[in-house]
Amino acid sequence: MTTDYARLRHADLPTVRQAIRENRYTAHTAGLGAGYLQANLAILPSAYALDFMRFCQRNPKPCPLVGVSDTGNPQMFTLGRDIDIRTDVPAYNIYRNGTLNGTATDIKDLWTDDMVAFALGCSFTFEDALMRAGIPVWHIENDTTVPMFRSSIDTVPAGPFSGKMVVSMRAIPEARVGEVRDISRRFPLAHGAPVHAGDPAKIGVTDPATPDWGDPAPIPAGHVPVFWACGVTPQVALEAASPPICITHKPGHMLPTDIPEDAETPVLHPNET
């Protein structure tokens, strides 16, 4: 476990956000900002925004929409105090014409007045609840990024956006799978209950030791691989849509928000910030 990660695990949300904004922390955010919603990110030219919003609405499990910016405004004011989408994610992926073109730790030089930012709920949010219940979360305990896989589960297309669902995996003690399902179901803004538990091949995951994103994680004896819909799904759909430019979070590197993890609404009002 790195020193910075160990320190930020116990820091308050403003401290975490400031470290990210100043590029002093550029790694994964699992376990940070406990008690608050983390968000996946997709930034698109405005011409693609309505179809992408439809894609999220039709696929709420992998794409639980929690915030949308005004066109050209990088301030995500419905998600927290002074959130600047250009700087407040530890690492960004840059796609051009559907192909990953590079990564960055801020996107000030790429942001334009024509861009719209979308924030989508993240499964990291319910992990805090799992750990409070005494259920171990291996990638947090070992300072790694959760393993993610392209599945065989189809999403519902919208305009140019389509593709297979991406899933994240956690190994859960067999006797506690039902409990984990019940806990995560309480967090619909964070993908809710799992989409599958058991044989990975049934959802098209041929080798759980070789994730498409993130780091490998063991499946010890007596544990069951459990899969949740994942907010990397839009990155697959963005590849299919091939806009001239789009920007996402680097998988595992999320936007910490000021939305409480158990909020009934994903939108903060001005008197709440």
C-alpha atoms as a PDB file:
ATOM      1  CA  MET A   1       0.000   0.000   0.000  1.00  0.00           C
ATOM      2  CA  THR A   2       1.501   3.333  -1.035  1.00  0.00           C
ATOM      3  CA  THR A   3       2.038   6.037   1.584  1.00  0.00           C
ATOM      4  CA  ASP A   4      -0.231   8.500  -0.231  1.00  0.00           C
ATOM      5  CA  TYR A   5      -3.034   5.962  -0.571  1.00  0.00           C
ATOM      6  CA  ALA A   6      -2.756   4.876   3.063  1.00  0.00           C
ATOM      7  CA  ARG A   7      -2.937   8.505   4.188  1.00  0.00           C
ATOM      8  CA  LEU A   8      -5.863   9.436   1.930  1.00  0.00           C
ATOM      9  CA  ARG A   9      -7.842   6.359   3.005  1.00  0.00           C
ATOM     10  CA  HIS A  10      -8.378   8.191   6.292  1.00  0.00           C
ATOM     11  CA  ALA A  11      -8.613  11.759   4.941  1.00  0.00           C
ATOM     12  CA  ASP A  12     -11.758  13.835   4.556  1.00  0.00           C
ATOM     13  CA  LEU A  13     -13.268  14.489   1.147  1.00  0.00           C
ATOM     14  CA  PRO A  14     -11.865  18.030   0.628  1.00  0.00           C
ATOM     15  CA  THR A  15      -8.356  16.716   1.338  1.00  0.00           C
ATOM     16  CA  VAL A  16      -8.793  13.893  -1.179  1.00  0.00           C
ATOM     17  CA  ARG A  17     -10.141  16.244  -3.832  1.00  0.00           C
ATOM     18  CA  GLN A  18      -7.364  18.797  -3.310  1.00  0.00           C
ATOM     19  CA  ALA A  19      -4.671  16.122  -3.637  1.00  0.00           C
ATOM     20  CA  ILE A  20      -6.225  15.003  -6.923  1.00  0.00           C
ATOM     21  CA  ARG A  21      -6.675  18.551  -8.247  1.00  0.00           C
ATOM     22  CA  GLU A  22      -3.046  19.430  -7.539  1.00  0.00           C
ATOM     23  CA  ASN A  23      -1.815  16.208  -9.215  1.00  0.00           C
ATOM     24  CA  ARG A  24      -0.346  15.020  -5.925  1.00  0.00           C
ATOM     25  CA  TYR A  25      -2.484  11.878  -6.179  1.00  0.00           C
ATOM     26  CA  THR A  26      -3.020  10.240  -9.582  1.00  0.00           C
ATOM     27  CA  ALA A  27      -3.829   6.619  -8.676  1.00  0.00           C
ATOM     28  CA  HIS A  28      -7.075   4.666  -8.173  1.00  0.00           C
ATOM     29  CA  THR A  29      -9.772   5.960  -5.839  1.00  0.00           C
ATOM     30  CA  ALA A  30     -11.154   2.711  -4.362  1.00  0.00           C
ATOM     31  CA  GLY A  31     -11.683   3.210  -0.641  1.00  0.00           C
ATOM     32  CA  LEU A  32     -11.289   7.012  -0.722  1.00  0.00           C
ATOM     33  CA  GLY A  33     -13.965   9.466   0.385  1.00  0.00           C
ATOM     34  CA  ALA A  34     -15.825   6.853   2.403  1.00  0.00           C
ATOM     35  CA  GLY A  35     -19.526   7.571   2.718  1.00  0.00           C
ATOM     36  CA  TYR A  36     -19.788   9.522  -0.540  1.00  0.00           C
ATOM     37  CA  LEU A  37     -20.682   8.608  -4.089  1.00  0.00           C
ATOM     38  CA  GLN A  38     -17.851   8.208  -6.579  1.00  0.00           C
ATOM     39  CA  ALA A  39     -18.565   8.718 -10.267  1.00  0.00           C
ATOM     40  CA  ASN A  40     -17.404   7.479 -13.645  1.00  0.00           C
ATOM     41  CA  LEU A  41     -16.949  10.111 -16.327  1.00  0.00           C
ATOM     42  CA  ALA A  42     -17.742  10.634 -19.999  1.00  0.00           C
ATOM     43  CA  ILE A  43     -17.184  13.940 -21.812  1.00  0.00           C
ATOM     44  CA  LEU A  44     -18.507  14.370 -25.345  1.00  0.00           C
ATOM     45  CA  PRO A  45     -19.121  17.014 -28.017  1.00  0.00           C
ATOM     46  CA  SER A  46     -22.647  18.390 -27.608  1.00  0.00           C
ATOM     47  CA  ALA A  47     -23.818  16.818 -30.891  1.00  0.00           C
ATOM     48  CA  TYR A  48     -23.514  13.387 -29.225  1.00  0.00           C
ATOM     49  CA  ALA A  49     -24.946  14.348 -25.834  1.00  0.00           C
ATOM     50  CA  LEU A  50     -28.635  13.559 -26.356  1.00  0.00           C
ATOM     51  CA  ASP A  51     -28.002  10.094 -27.788  1.00  0.00           C
ATOM     52  CA  PHE A  52     -25.553   9.348 -24.979  1.00  0.00           C
ATOM     53  CA  MET A  53     -28.143  10.445 -22.407  1.00  0.00           C
ATOM     54  CA  ARG A  54     -30.618   8.080 -24.051  1.00  0.00           C
ATOM     55  CA  PHE A  55     -28.022   5.290 -23.849  1.00  0.00           C
ATOM     56  CA  CYS A  56     -27.662   5.881 -20.103  1.00  0.00           C
ATOM     57  CA  GLN A  57     -31.430   6.008 -19.599  1.00  0.00           C
ATOM     58  CA  ARG A  58     -31.854   2.678 -21.426  1.00  0.00           C
ATOM     59  CA  ASN A  59     -29.004   1.004 -19.520  1.00  0.00           C
ATOM     60  CA  PRO A  60     -29.354   2.149 -15.905  1.00  0.00           C
ATOM     61  CA  LYS A  61     -27.425  -0.765 -14.365  1.00  0.00           C
ATOM     62  CA  PRO A  62     -24.056  -0.027 -16.032  1.00  0.00           C
ATOM     63  CA  CYS A  63     -24.823   3.683 -16.599  1.00  0.00           C
ATOM     64  CA  PRO A  64     -26.615   5.138 -13.546  1.00  0.00           C
ATOM     65  CA  LEU A  65     -26.650   8.810 -14.496  1.00  0.00           C
ATOM     66  CA  VAL A  66     -25.955  11.059 -11.496  1.00  0.00           C
ATOM     67  CA  GLY A  67     -24.948  14.362 -13.103  1.00  0.00           C
ATOM     68  CA  VAL A  68     -24.759  16.251 -16.388  1.00  0.00           C
ATOM     69  CA  SER A  69     -22.911  19.532 -16.922  1.00  0.00           C
ATOM     70  CA  ASP A  70     -24.203  22.509 -18.824  1.00  0.00           C
ATOM     71  CA  THR A  71     -22.678  22.674 -22.293  1.00  0.00           C
ATOM     72  CA  GLY A  72     -19.227  24.236 -22.043  1.00  0.00           C
ATOM     73  CA  ASN A  73     -19.311  24.529 -18.231  1.00  0.00           C
ATOM     74  CA  PRO A  74     -16.751  22.301 -16.441  1.00  0.00           C
ATOM     75  CA  GLN A  75     -18.260  22.997 -13.015  1.00  0.00           C
ATOM     76  CA  MET A  76     -20.368  20.042 -11.856  1.00  0.00           C
ATOM     77  CA  PHE A  77     -22.295  22.124  -9.335  1.00  0.00           C
ATOM     78  CA  THR A  78     -25.059  19.552  -8.760  1.00  0.00           C
ATOM     79  CA  LEU A  79     -22.490  17.033  -7.496  1.00  0.00           C
ATOM     80  CA  GLY A  80     -20.580  19.095  -4.968  1.00  0.00           C
ATOM     81  CA  ARG A  81     -18.888  22.258  -3.891  1.00  0.00           C
ATOM     82  CA  ASP A  82     -16.359  23.553  -6.419  1.00  0.00           C
ATOM     83  CA  ILE A  83     -16.041  20.400  -8.539  1.00  0.00           C
ATOM     84  CA  ASP A  84     -14.069  21.112 -11.709  1.00  0.00           C
ATOM     85  CA  ILE A  85     -14.382  18.210 -14.111  1.00  0.00           C
ATOM     86  CA  ARG A  86     -11.122  19.230 -15.846  1.00  0.00           C
ATOM     87  CA  THR A  87      -8.950  18.590 -12.792  1.00  0.00           C
ATOM     88  CA  ASP A  88     -10.795  16.566 -10.164  1.00  0.00           C
ATOM     89  CA  VAL A  89     -10.318  13.065 -11.604  1.00  0.00           C
ATOM     90  CA  PRO A  90      -6.909  11.439 -10.915  1.00  0.00           C
ATOM     91  CA  ALA A  91      -6.411  10.249 -14.509  1.00  0.00           C
ATOM     92  CA  TYR A  92      -8.302  10.624 -17.788  1.00  0.00           C
ATOM     93  CA  ASN A  93      -8.418   8.548 -20.971  1.00  0.00           C
ATOM     94  CA  ILE A  94      -8.471  10.507 -24.234  1.00  0.00           C
ATOM     95  CA  TYR A  95     -10.210   8.905 -27.222  1.00  0.00           C
ATOM     96  CA  ARG A  96     -10.072  10.209 -30.784  1.00  0.00           C
ATOM     97  CA  ASN A  97     -12.368   8.646 -33.388  1.00  0.00           C
ATOM     98  CA  GLY A  98     -13.105   5.770 -31.021  1.00  0.00           C
ATOM     99  CA  THR A  99      -9.474   4.869 -30.334  1.00  0.00           C
ATOM    100  CA  LEU A 100      -7.622   5.423 -27.069  1.00  0.00           C
ATOM    101  CA  ASN A 101      -5.129   8.160 -27.886  1.00  0.00           C
ATOM    102  CA  GLY A 102      -3.498   8.820 -24.522  1.00  0.00           C
ATOM    103  CA  THR A 103      -3.976   9.623 -20.849  1.00  0.00           C
ATOM    104  CA  ALA A 104      -3.718  12.834 -18.823  1.00  0.00           C
ATOM    105  CA  THR A 105      -3.952  14.001 -15.226  1.00  0.00           C
ATOM    106  CA  ASP A 106      -5.923  17.113 -16.184  1.00  0.00           C
ATOM    107  CA  ILE A 107      -7.763  18.178 -19.326  1.00  0.00           C
ATOM    108  CA  LYS A 108      -7.678  21.963 -19.138  1.00  0.00           C
ATOM    109  CA  ASP A 109      -6.056  22.155 -22.557  1.00  0.00           C
ATOM    110  CA  LEU A 110      -8.667  19.826 -24.108  1.00  0.00           C
ATOM    111  CA  TRP A 111     -11.872  21.277 -22.700  1.00  0.00           C
ATOM    112  CA  THR A 112     -13.955  23.344 -25.143  1.00  0.00           C
ATOM    113  CA  ASP A 113     -17.168  25.358 -25.005  1.00  0.00           C
ATOM    114  CA  ASP A 114     -18.897  22.563 -26.974  1.00  0.00           C
ATOM    115  CA  MET A 115     -18.342  19.777 -24.437  1.00  0.00           C
ATOM    116  CA  VAL A 116     -20.852  18.127 -22.107  1.00  0.00           C
ATOM    117  CA  ALA A 117     -19.734  16.074 -19.092  1.00  0.00           C
ATOM    118  CA  PHE A 118     -21.689  13.083 -17.763  1.00  0.00           C
ATOM    119  CA  ALA A 119     -21.121  11.559 -14.318  1.00  0.00           C
ATOM    120  CA  LEU A 120     -22.231   7.968 -13.717  1.00  0.00           C
ATOM    121  CA  GLY A 121     -22.420   6.175 -10.380  1.00  0.00           C
ATOM    122  CA  CYS A 122     -19.589   3.800  -9.445  1.00  0.00           C
ATOM    123  CA  SER A 123     -19.502   0.480  -7.582  1.00  0.00           C
ATOM    124  CA  PHE A 124     -16.708   1.784  -5.346  1.00  0.00           C
ATOM    125  CA  THR A 125     -19.508   3.490  -3.405  1.00  0.00           C
ATOM    126  CA  PHE A 126     -21.034   0.311  -1.948  1.00  0.00           C
ATOM    127  CA  GLU A 127     -17.658  -1.211  -1.084  1.00  0.00           C
ATOM    128  CA  ASP A 128     -17.528   0.894   2.066  1.00  0.00           C
ATOM    129  CA  ALA A 129     -20.824  -0.690   3.139  1.00  0.00           C
ATOM    130  CA  LEU A 130     -19.442  -4.172   2.432  1.00  0.00           C
ATOM    131  CA  MET A 131     -16.375  -3.513   4.563  1.00  0.00           C
ATOM    132  CA  ARG A 132     -18.506  -2.118   7.409  1.00  0.00           C
ATOM    133  CA  ALA A 133     -20.361  -5.445   7.332  1.00  0.00           C
ATOM    134  CA  GLY A 134     -17.057  -7.272   7.714  1.00  0.00           C
ATOM    135  CA  ILE A 135     -16.865  -8.466   4.118  1.00  0.00           C
ATOM    136  CA  PRO A 136     -13.297  -8.138   2.795  1.00  0.00           C
ATOM    137  CA  VAL A 137     -12.684  -6.263  -0.469  1.00  0.00           C
ATOM    138  CA  TRP A 138      -9.376  -7.611  -1.783  1.00  0.00           C
ATOM    139  CA  HIS A 139      -8.386  -4.832  -4.180  1.00  0.00           C
ATOM    140  CA  ILE A 140      -8.830  -2.164  -1.488  1.00  0.00           C
ATOM    141  CA  GLU A 141      -6.868  -4.148   1.081  1.00  0.00           C
ATOM    142  CA  ASN A 142      -4.072  -4.652  -1.467  1.00  0.00           C
ATOM    143  CA  ASP A 143      -4.026  -1.167  -3.096  1.00  0.00           C
ATOM    144  CA  THR A 144      -4.927  -2.400  -6.576  1.00  0.00           C
ATOM    145  CA  THR A 145      -7.623  -1.597  -9.142  1.00  0.00           C
ATOM    146  CA  VAL A 146     -10.711  -3.811  -9.281  1.00  0.00           C
ATOM    147  CA  PRO A 147     -10.646  -6.292 -12.210  1.00  0.00           C
ATOM    148  CA  MET A 148     -13.047  -5.448 -15.062  1.00  0.00           C
ATOM    149  CA  PHE A 149     -14.110  -7.544 -18.032  1.00  0.00           C
ATOM    150  CA  ARG A 150     -15.992  -7.248 -21.321  1.00  0.00           C
ATOM    151  CA  SER A 151     -18.988  -9.556 -20.890  1.00  0.00           C
ATOM    152  CA  SER A 152     -21.346 -11.151 -23.407  1.00  0.00           C
ATOM    153  CA  ILE A 153     -24.305  -9.161 -22.009  1.00  0.00           C
ATOM    154  CA  ASP A 154     -25.780  -6.805 -24.599  1.00  0.00           C
ATOM    155  CA  THR A 155     -26.648  -3.208 -23.823  1.00  0.00           C
ATOM    156  CA  VAL A 156     -29.670  -1.461 -25.359  1.00  0.00           C
ATOM    157  CA  PRO A 157     -28.390   0.771 -28.193  1.00  0.00           C
ATOM    158  CA  ALA A 158     -29.177   4.459 -28.631  1.00  0.00           C
ATOM    159  CA  GLY A 159     -28.143   6.268 -31.794  1.00  0.00           C
ATOM    160  CA  PRO A 160     -24.479   5.433 -32.446  1.00  0.00           C
ATOM    161  CA  PHE A 161     -23.937   4.043 -28.920  1.00  0.00           C
ATOM    162  CA  SER A 162     -23.996   0.266 -28.408  1.00  0.00           C
ATOM    163  CA  GLY A 163     -21.855  -2.629 -27.220  1.00  0.00           C
ATOM    164  CA  LYS A 164     -21.430  -5.260 -24.549  1.00  0.00           C
ATOM    165  CA  MET A 165     -21.695  -4.555 -20.834  1.00  0.00           C
ATOM    166  CA  VAL A 166     -18.466  -4.261 -18.858  1.00  0.00           C
ATOM    167  CA  VAL A 167     -18.548  -5.958 -15.450  1.00  0.00           C
ATOM    168  CA  SER A 168     -16.374  -5.650 -12.360  1.00  0.00           C
ATOM    169  CA  MET A 169     -15.533  -8.701 -10.235  1.00  0.00           C
ATOM    170  CA  ARG A 170     -15.080  -9.268  -6.522  1.00  0.00           C
ATOM    171  CA  ALA A 171     -14.497 -12.659  -4.860  1.00  0.00           C
ATOM    172  CA  ILE A 172     -17.030 -13.079  -2.051  1.00  0.00           C
ATOM    173  CA  PRO A 173     -17.146 -15.825   0.636  1.00  0.00           C
ATOM    174  CA  GLU A 174     -19.755 -18.307  -0.568  1.00  0.00           C
ATOM    175  CA  ALA A 175     -21.832 -18.049   2.599  1.00  0.00           C
ATOM    176  CA  ARG A 176     -22.125 -14.267   2.244  1.00  0.00           C
ATOM    177  CA  VAL A 177     -23.103 -13.866  -1.422  1.00  0.00           C
ATOM    178  CA  GLY A 178     -26.767 -13.340  -0.535  1.00  0.00           C
ATOM    179  CA  GLU A 179     -25.822 -10.721   2.052  1.00  0.00           C
ATOM    180  CA  VAL A 180     -23.613  -8.921  -0.461  1.00  0.00           C
ATOM    181  CA  ARG A 181     -26.458  -8.930  -2.975  1.00  0.00           C
ATOM    182  CA  ASP A 182     -28.798  -7.383  -0.393  1.00  0.00           C
ATOM    183  CA  ILE A 183     -26.266  -4.717   0.652  1.00  0.00           C
ATOM    184  CA  SER A 184     -25.373  -3.587  -2.853  1.00  0.00           C
ATOM    185  CA  ARG A 185     -29.040  -3.522  -3.891  1.00  0.00           C
ATOM    186  CA  ARG A 186     -29.442  -0.549  -1.537  1.00  0.00           C
ATOM    187  CA  PHE A 187     -27.177   1.534  -3.808  1.00  0.00           C
ATOM    188  CA  PRO A 188     -28.952   1.888  -7.176  1.00  0.00           C
ATOM    189  CA  LEU A 189     -26.839   4.946  -8.019  1.00  0.00           C
ATOM    190  CA  ALA A 190     -23.792   2.660  -7.707  1.00  0.00           C
ATOM    191  CA  HIS A 191     -24.965  -0.165 -10.032  1.00  0.00           C
ATOM    192  CA  GLY A 192     -27.090  -1.861  -7.370  1.00  0.00           C
ATOM    193  CA  ALA A 193     -27.187  -5.643  -7.057  1.00  0.00           C
ATOM    194  CA  PRO A 194     -24.818  -7.904  -9.011  1.00  0.00           C
ATOM    195  CA  VAL A 195     -25.705  -9.039 -12.523  1.00  0.00           C
ATOM    196  CA  HIS A 196     -24.145 -12.483 -12.033  1.00  0.00           C
ATOM    197  CA  ALA A 197     -22.557 -14.727  -9.423  1.00  0.00           C
ATOM    198  CA  GLY A 198     -20.740 -17.963 -10.149  1.00  0.00           C
ATOM    199  CA  ASP A 199     -19.317 -19.411 -13.365  1.00  0.00           C
ATOM    200  CA  PRO A 200     -17.690 -16.481 -15.253  1.00  0.00           C
ATOM    201  CA  ALA A 201     -18.059 -18.275 -18.605  1.00  0.00           C
ATOM    202  CA  LYS A 202     -21.845 -17.884 -18.413  1.00  0.00           C
ATOM    203  CA  ILE A 203     -21.424 -14.150 -19.055  1.00  0.00           C
ATOM    204  CA  GLY A 204     -18.563 -14.492 -21.519  1.00  0.00           C
ATOM    205  CA  VAL A 205     -15.638 -14.044 -19.118  1.00  0.00           C
ATOM    206  CA  THR A 206     -13.274 -16.787 -20.252  1.00  0.00           C
ATOM    207  CA  ASP A 207     -10.322 -16.081 -17.961  1.00  0.00           C
ATOM    208  CA  PRO A 208     -11.051 -14.261 -14.664  1.00  0.00           C
ATOM    209  CA  ALA A 209      -7.294 -14.109 -13.991  1.00  0.00           C
ATOM    210  CA  THR A 210      -6.782 -11.825 -17.013  1.00  0.00           C
ATOM    211  CA  PRO A 211      -9.002  -8.734 -16.749  1.00  0.00           C
ATOM    212  CA  ASP A 212      -9.515  -6.337 -19.660  1.00  0.00           C
ATOM    213  CA  TRP A 213      -9.027  -3.415 -17.267  1.00  0.00           C
ATOM    214  CA  GLY A 214      -7.689  -3.177 -13.733  1.00  0.00           C
ATOM    215  CA  ASP A 215      -5.538  -5.727 -11.910  1.00  0.00           C
ATOM    216  CA  PRO A 216      -5.944  -9.477 -11.424  1.00  0.00           C
ATOM    217  CA  ALA A 217      -7.501 -10.556  -8.132  1.00  0.00           C
ATOM    218  CA  PRO A 218      -7.525 -14.057  -6.625  1.00  0.00           C
ATOM    219  CA  ILE A 219     -10.620 -16.204  -6.165  1.00  0.00           C
ATOM    220  CA  PRO A 220      -9.705 -18.197  -3.040  1.00  0.00           C
ATOM    221  CA  ALA A 221     -11.206 -21.559  -2.164  1.00  0.00           C
ATOM    222  CA  GLY A 222     -14.658 -21.116  -0.658  1.00  0.00           C
ATOM    223  CA  HIS A 223     -15.224 -17.842  -2.532  1.00  0.00           C
ATOM    224  CA  VAL A 224     -17.524 -17.082  -5.457  1.00  0.00           C
ATOM    225  CA  PRO A 225     -16.731 -14.599  -8.253  1.00  0.00           C
ATOM    226  CA  VAL A 226     -19.465 -11.962  -8.186  1.00  0.00           C
ATOM    227  CA  PHE A 227     -19.942  -9.522 -11.055  1.00  0.00           C
ATOM    228  CA  TRP A 228     -21.500  -6.072 -11.048  1.00  0.00           C
ATOM    229  CA  ALA A 229     -22.404  -3.856 -13.999  1.00  0.00           C
ATOM    230  CA  CYS A 230     -19.537  -1.406 -14.454  1.00  0.00           C
ATOM    231  CA  GLY A 231     -19.247   2.237 -15.454  1.00  0.00           C
ATOM    232  CA  VAL A 232     -16.540   1.392 -17.983  1.00  0.00           C
ATOM    233  CA  THR A 233     -19.421   0.193 -20.205  1.00  0.00           C
ATOM    234  CA  PRO A 234     -19.752   3.682 -21.756  1.00  0.00           C
ATOM    235  CA  GLN A 235     -16.125   3.499 -22.885  1.00  0.00           C
ATOM    236  CA  VAL A 236     -17.024   0.465 -25.016  1.00  0.00           C
ATOM    237  CA  ALA A 237     -20.051   2.340 -26.387  1.00  0.00           C
ATOM    238  CA  LEU A 238     -17.896   5.395 -27.100  1.00  0.00           C
ATOM    239  CA  GLU A 239     -15.485   3.247 -29.076  1.00  0.00           C
ATOM    240  CA  ALA A 240     -18.427   2.097 -31.199  1.00  0.00           C
ATOM    241  CA  ALA A 241     -19.781   5.638 -31.690  1.00  0.00           C
ATOM    242  CA  SER A 242     -16.327   6.994 -32.655  1.00  0.00           C
ATOM    243  CA  PRO A 243     -16.831  10.707 -31.925  1.00  0.00           C
ATOM    244  CA  PRO A 244     -13.900  12.899 -33.020  1.00  0.00           C
ATOM    245  CA  ILE A 245     -12.948  13.296 -29.357  1.00  0.00           C
ATOM    246  CA  CYS A 246     -14.246  12.018 -26.064  1.00  0.00           C
ATOM    247  CA  ILE A 247     -12.733  11.931 -22.604  1.00  0.00           C
ATOM    248  CA  THR A 248     -13.397   9.424 -19.829  1.00  0.00           C
ATOM    249  CA  HIS A 249     -11.919   8.563 -16.462  1.00  0.00           C
ATOM    250  CA  LYS A 250      -9.098   6.044 -16.571  1.00  0.00           C
ATOM    251  CA  PRO A 251     -10.721   2.858 -15.232  1.00  0.00           C
ATOM    252  CA  GLY A 252     -10.504   2.800 -11.447  1.00  0.00           C
ATOM    253  CA  HIS A 253      -9.735   6.540 -11.248  1.00  0.00           C
ATOM    254  CA  MET A 254     -13.054   8.127 -10.292  1.00  0.00           C
ATOM    255  CA  LEU A 255     -14.561  11.501  -9.466  1.00  0.00           C
ATOM    256  CA  PRO A 256     -15.284  11.808  -5.718  1.00  0.00           C
ATOM    257  CA  THR A 257     -18.538  13.741  -5.245  1.00  0.00           C
ATOM    258  CA  ASP A 258     -20.273  15.345  -2.278  1.00  0.00           C
ATOM    259  CA  ILE A 259     -23.368  13.139  -2.758  1.00  0.00           C
ATOM    260  CA  PRO A 260     -23.905  10.902   0.314  1.00  0.00           C
ATOM    261  CA  GLU A 261     -23.672   7.244  -0.648  1.00  0.00           C
ATOM    262  CA  ASP A 262     -27.215   6.589   0.607  1.00  0.00           C
ATOM    263  CA  ALA A 263     -28.791   9.639  -1.064  1.00  0.00           C
ATOM    264  CA  GLU A 264     -32.232   9.110  -2.606  1.00  0.00           C
ATOM    265  CA  THR A 265     -31.473  11.728  -5.269  1.00  0.00           C
ATOM    266  CA  PRO A 266     -28.188  12.196  -7.149  1.00  0.00           C
ATOM    267  CA  VAL A 267     -28.520  15.992  -7.249  1.00  0.00           C
ATOM    268  CA  LEU A 268     -27.298  18.369  -4.564  1.00  0.00           C
ATOM    269  CA  HIS A 269     -29.182  21.630  -4.224  1.00  0.00           C
ATOM    270  CA  PRO A 270     -27.294  24.892  -3.569  1.00  0.00           C
ATOM    271  CA  ASN A 271     -28.142  24.913   0.154  1.00  0.00           C
ATOM    272  CA  GLU A 272     -26.637  21.421   0.480  1.00  0.00           C
ATOM    273  CA  THR A 273     -23.240  22.407  -0.876  1.00  0.00           C
END
